[in-house]
Amino acid sequence: MKNIFSAIKLTLLCLLFFSVLYPLAITGIAQFAPCKGKGETIEMNGKMVGFQKVGQSFTKNNYFWSRPSAVNYNAASGGGSNKGPSNPDHLKDVQIKVDRFLVHHPYLTKQDVPTEMVTASGSGLDPHISPNAAAVQVKRVAKARNISESPITQLVEKYTQKPLLGLFGPPVVNVLELNIALDRLK
């Protein structure tokens, strides 16, 4: 009987701590973070168009495409597909994505398709692509927008984020920020 009352007390204590006190403490701490813990949003013309740290789907030819997502860019269920590089289903999915990419980029060969444009990231939410993945899309975007490649190439260079302190991580391009800059290019 003594153990039952101890277990009930511990359960109530844990319930109070983990369902009330801990969430209140984290919410309080988040108020000191940028955007008060609600995520770093990107606005255009006074409207919120996305989150800076979460990838989005772009499929139109007049925009740069993001990396594929195994979770359809759903931040509530972020994650990879857990399929290994020798999995037949994974290889079939990648081949379908390569073929689709080549249809929209006929000036490329299969070897020119950046791997990141046909495979999902581990989280499925990566907002970045490499400068190379952006560069191979410049021709398609320029043609769809009926403008020369030069200003678009300059935008890619402008929106390429260098590695932290020049050492940590690869250079990347935030696709949403680049596409917003494209819309402002007019």
Protein backbone atom coordinates (compact mmCIF):
# COMPACT_ATOMS: atom_id res chain seq x y z
CA MET A 1 0.00 0.00 0.00
CA LYS A 2 2.88 2.32 0.85
CA ASN A 3 4.33 1.83 -2.67
CA ILE A 4 0.99 2.66 -4.32
CA PHE A 5 0.74 6.02 -2.51
CA SER A 6 4.36 6.80 -3.40
CA ALA A 7 3.67 5.97 -7.05
CA ILE A 8 0.54 8.16 -7.09
CA LYS A 9 2.45 11.08 -5.52
CA LEU A 10 5.26 10.71 -8.06
CA THR A 11 2.76 10.53 -10.93
CA LEU A 12 0.97 13.71 -9.75
CA LEU A 13 4.29 15.49 -9.24
CA CYS A 14 5.46 14.52 -12.75
CA LEU A 15 2.12 15.51 -14.23
CA LEU A 16 2.32 18.95 -12.60
CA PHE A 17 5.93 19.47 -13.61
CA PHE A 18 5.85 18.17 -17.21
CA SER A 19 2.42 19.43 -18.22
CA VAL A 20 2.34 22.80 -16.43
CA LEU A 21 5.59 24.10 -14.97
CA TYR A 22 8.02 22.99 -17.68
CA PRO A 23 5.91 24.31 -20.62
CA LEU A 24 5.42 27.63 -18.80
CA ALA A 25 9.16 27.91 -18.17
CA ILE A 26 10.03 27.18 -21.83
CA THR A 27 7.38 29.65 -23.03
CA GLY A 28 8.83 32.29 -20.69
CA ILE A 29 12.39 31.68 -21.92
CA ALA A 30 11.18 31.83 -25.55
CA GLN A 31 9.98 35.39 -25.00
CA PHE A 32 13.63 36.46 -25.01
CA ALA A 33 14.36 34.71 -28.32
CA PRO A 34 14.00 36.40 -31.71
CA CYS A 35 10.33 36.48 -32.76
CA LYS A 36 9.42 35.42 -29.21
CA GLY A 37 9.82 31.74 -30.02
CA LYS A 38 7.33 31.75 -32.87
CA GLY A 39 9.90 31.18 -35.60
CA GLU A 40 11.71 33.60 -37.86
CA THR A 41 9.13 34.56 -40.44
CA ILE A 42 9.69 36.17 -43.81
CA GLU A 43 7.24 38.81 -44.95
CA MET A 44 6.49 40.25 -48.36
CA ASN A 45 4.20 43.25 -48.81
CA GLY A 46 3.16 42.99 -45.16
CA LYS A 47 2.12 39.34 -45.45
CA MET A 48 3.89 36.38 -43.88
CA VAL A 49 5.04 34.14 -46.74
CA GLY A 50 7.10 31.56 -44.88
CA PHE A 51 9.61 30.66 -42.24
CA GLN A 52 13.30 31.34 -42.71
CA LYS A 53 14.41 28.01 -41.25
CA VAL A 54 11.80 25.69 -42.85
CA GLY A 55 11.85 24.62 -46.49
CA GLN A 56 8.87 25.05 -48.79
CA SER A 57 7.77 23.48 -52.02
CA PHE A 58 8.32 25.43 -55.22
CA THR A 59 7.34 23.69 -58.46
CA LYS A 60 6.81 26.48 -60.99
CA ASN A 61 9.53 27.05 -63.56
CA ASN A 62 9.81 30.76 -62.73
CA TYR A 63 11.05 29.95 -59.21
CA PHE A 64 14.05 28.14 -57.84
CA TRP A 65 13.10 24.72 -56.57
CA SER A 66 13.79 23.52 -53.07
CA ARG A 67 15.24 20.22 -52.10
CA PRO A 68 12.65 17.39 -52.05
CA SER A 69 11.01 16.58 -48.71
CA ALA A 70 10.15 13.13 -47.40
CA VAL A 71 7.48 14.73 -45.17
CA ASN A 72 6.02 17.22 -47.68
CA TYR A 73 7.60 20.13 -45.75
CA ASN A 74 5.39 19.46 -42.72
CA ALA A 75 7.31 20.84 -39.73
CA ALA A 76 5.07 18.92 -37.31
CA SER A 77 6.37 15.60 -38.63
CA GLY A 78 9.87 16.39 -39.81
CA GLY A 79 12.09 13.47 -40.71
CA GLY A 80 13.69 11.50 -43.49
CA SER A 81 12.41 8.52 -45.38
CA ASN A 82 14.82 6.12 -43.59
CA LYS A 83 15.44 4.37 -46.91
CA GLY A 84 19.07 3.52 -47.55
CA PRO A 85 20.96 4.16 -50.80
CA SER A 86 20.60 0.51 -51.83
CA ASN A 87 16.85 0.32 -51.15
CA PRO A 88 15.04 -0.44 -54.47
CA ASP A 89 12.13 1.88 -53.60
CA HIS A 90 14.53 4.72 -52.82
CA LEU A 91 16.43 4.17 -56.07
CA LYS A 92 13.16 4.18 -58.02
CA ASP A 93 12.04 7.43 -56.34
CA VAL A 94 15.40 9.07 -57.07
CA GLN A 95 15.24 8.01 -60.73
CA ILE A 96 11.74 9.50 -61.05
CA LYS A 97 13.01 12.78 -59.54
CA VAL A 98 16.06 12.80 -61.85
CA ASP A 99 13.84 12.27 -64.90
CA ARG A 100 11.48 15.05 -63.77
CA PHE A 101 14.40 17.40 -63.15
CA LEU A 102 15.85 16.69 -66.60
CA VAL A 103 12.50 17.36 -68.31
CA HIS A 104 12.59 20.89 -66.88
CA HIS A 105 16.35 21.27 -67.40
CA PRO A 106 16.99 19.74 -70.86
CA TYR A 107 20.38 21.45 -71.06
CA LEU A 108 21.71 19.16 -68.28
CA THR A 109 22.84 15.56 -68.35
CA LYS A 110 22.04 13.04 -65.64
CA GLN A 111 25.52 13.55 -64.18
CA ASP A 112 24.92 17.33 -63.91
CA VAL A 113 21.85 16.96 -61.66
CA PRO A 114 22.86 17.92 -58.10
CA THR A 115 22.21 15.05 -55.71
CA GLU A 116 20.41 17.33 -53.27
CA MET A 117 17.78 18.16 -55.90
CA VAL A 118 16.65 14.52 -56.07
CA THR A 119 17.12 13.38 -52.46
CA ALA A 120 15.46 14.61 -49.28
CA SER A 121 17.40 15.96 -46.33
CA GLY A 122 17.40 14.14 -43.01
CA SER A 123 14.74 16.45 -41.57
CA GLY A 124 12.77 16.90 -44.79
CA LEU A 125 12.62 20.61 -43.93
CA ASP A 126 15.93 21.98 -45.24
CA PRO A 127 15.36 25.54 -46.54
CA HIS A 128 18.73 25.67 -48.32
CA ILE A 129 20.31 24.40 -51.48
CA SER A 130 23.93 24.68 -52.53
CA PRO A 131 25.07 27.49 -54.84
CA ASN A 132 25.64 24.80 -57.50
CA ALA A 133 22.04 23.56 -57.19
CA ALA A 134 20.88 27.15 -57.63
CA ALA A 135 23.25 27.76 -60.56
CA VAL A 136 21.92 24.84 -62.60
CA GLN A 137 18.41 26.29 -62.27
CA VAL A 138 19.30 29.82 -63.44
CA LYS A 139 18.73 29.06 -67.13
CA ARG A 140 15.25 27.59 -66.50
CA VAL A 141 14.19 30.48 -64.25
CA ALA A 142 15.50 33.09 -66.71
CA LYS A 143 13.66 31.48 -69.60
CA ALA A 144 10.41 31.22 -67.62
CA ARG A 145 10.66 34.88 -66.57
CA ASN A 146 11.80 35.98 -70.03
CA ILE A 147 14.84 37.85 -68.71
CA SER A 148 18.58 37.37 -69.14
CA GLU A 149 20.52 35.02 -66.89
CA SER A 150 22.90 37.70 -65.64
CA PRO A 151 20.65 39.41 -63.04
CA ILE A 152 19.48 36.04 -61.77
CA THR A 153 23.06 34.80 -61.42
CA GLN A 154 23.85 37.99 -59.49
CA LEU A 155 20.92 37.29 -57.15
CA VAL A 156 22.19 33.77 -56.50
CA GLU A 157 25.61 35.20 -55.64
CA LYS A 158 24.06 37.89 -53.43
CA TYR A 159 21.92 35.39 -51.51
CA THR A 160 24.67 32.80 -51.06
CA GLN A 161 25.42 32.56 -47.36
CA LYS A 162 29.08 31.88 -46.68
CA PRO A 163 30.20 29.33 -44.05
CA LEU A 164 30.19 30.57 -40.45
CA LEU A 165 33.54 32.28 -39.81
CA GLY A 166 34.60 30.98 -43.21
CA LEU A 167 35.09 27.52 -41.69
CA PHE A 168 31.92 25.86 -40.46
CA GLY A 169 29.53 24.34 -42.99
CA PRO A 170 29.20 24.72 -46.73
CA PRO A 171 27.94 27.82 -48.54
CA VAL A 172 24.14 27.70 -48.93
CA VAL A 173 21.28 29.60 -50.56
CA ASN A 174 17.93 30.05 -48.78
CA VAL A 175 15.41 29.21 -51.52
CA LEU A 176 12.52 31.26 -50.11
CA GLU A 177 14.66 34.38 -49.72
CA LEU A 178 16.02 33.94 -53.26
CA ASN A 179 12.53 33.53 -54.73
CA ILE A 180 11.26 36.62 -52.92
CA ALA A 181 14.22 38.56 -54.34
CA LEU A 182 13.27 37.23 -57.79
CA ASP A 183 9.76 38.62 -57.41
CA ARG A 184 11.21 41.99 -56.40
CA LEU A 185 13.54 41.95 -59.43
CA LYS A 186 10.81 43.15 -61.81
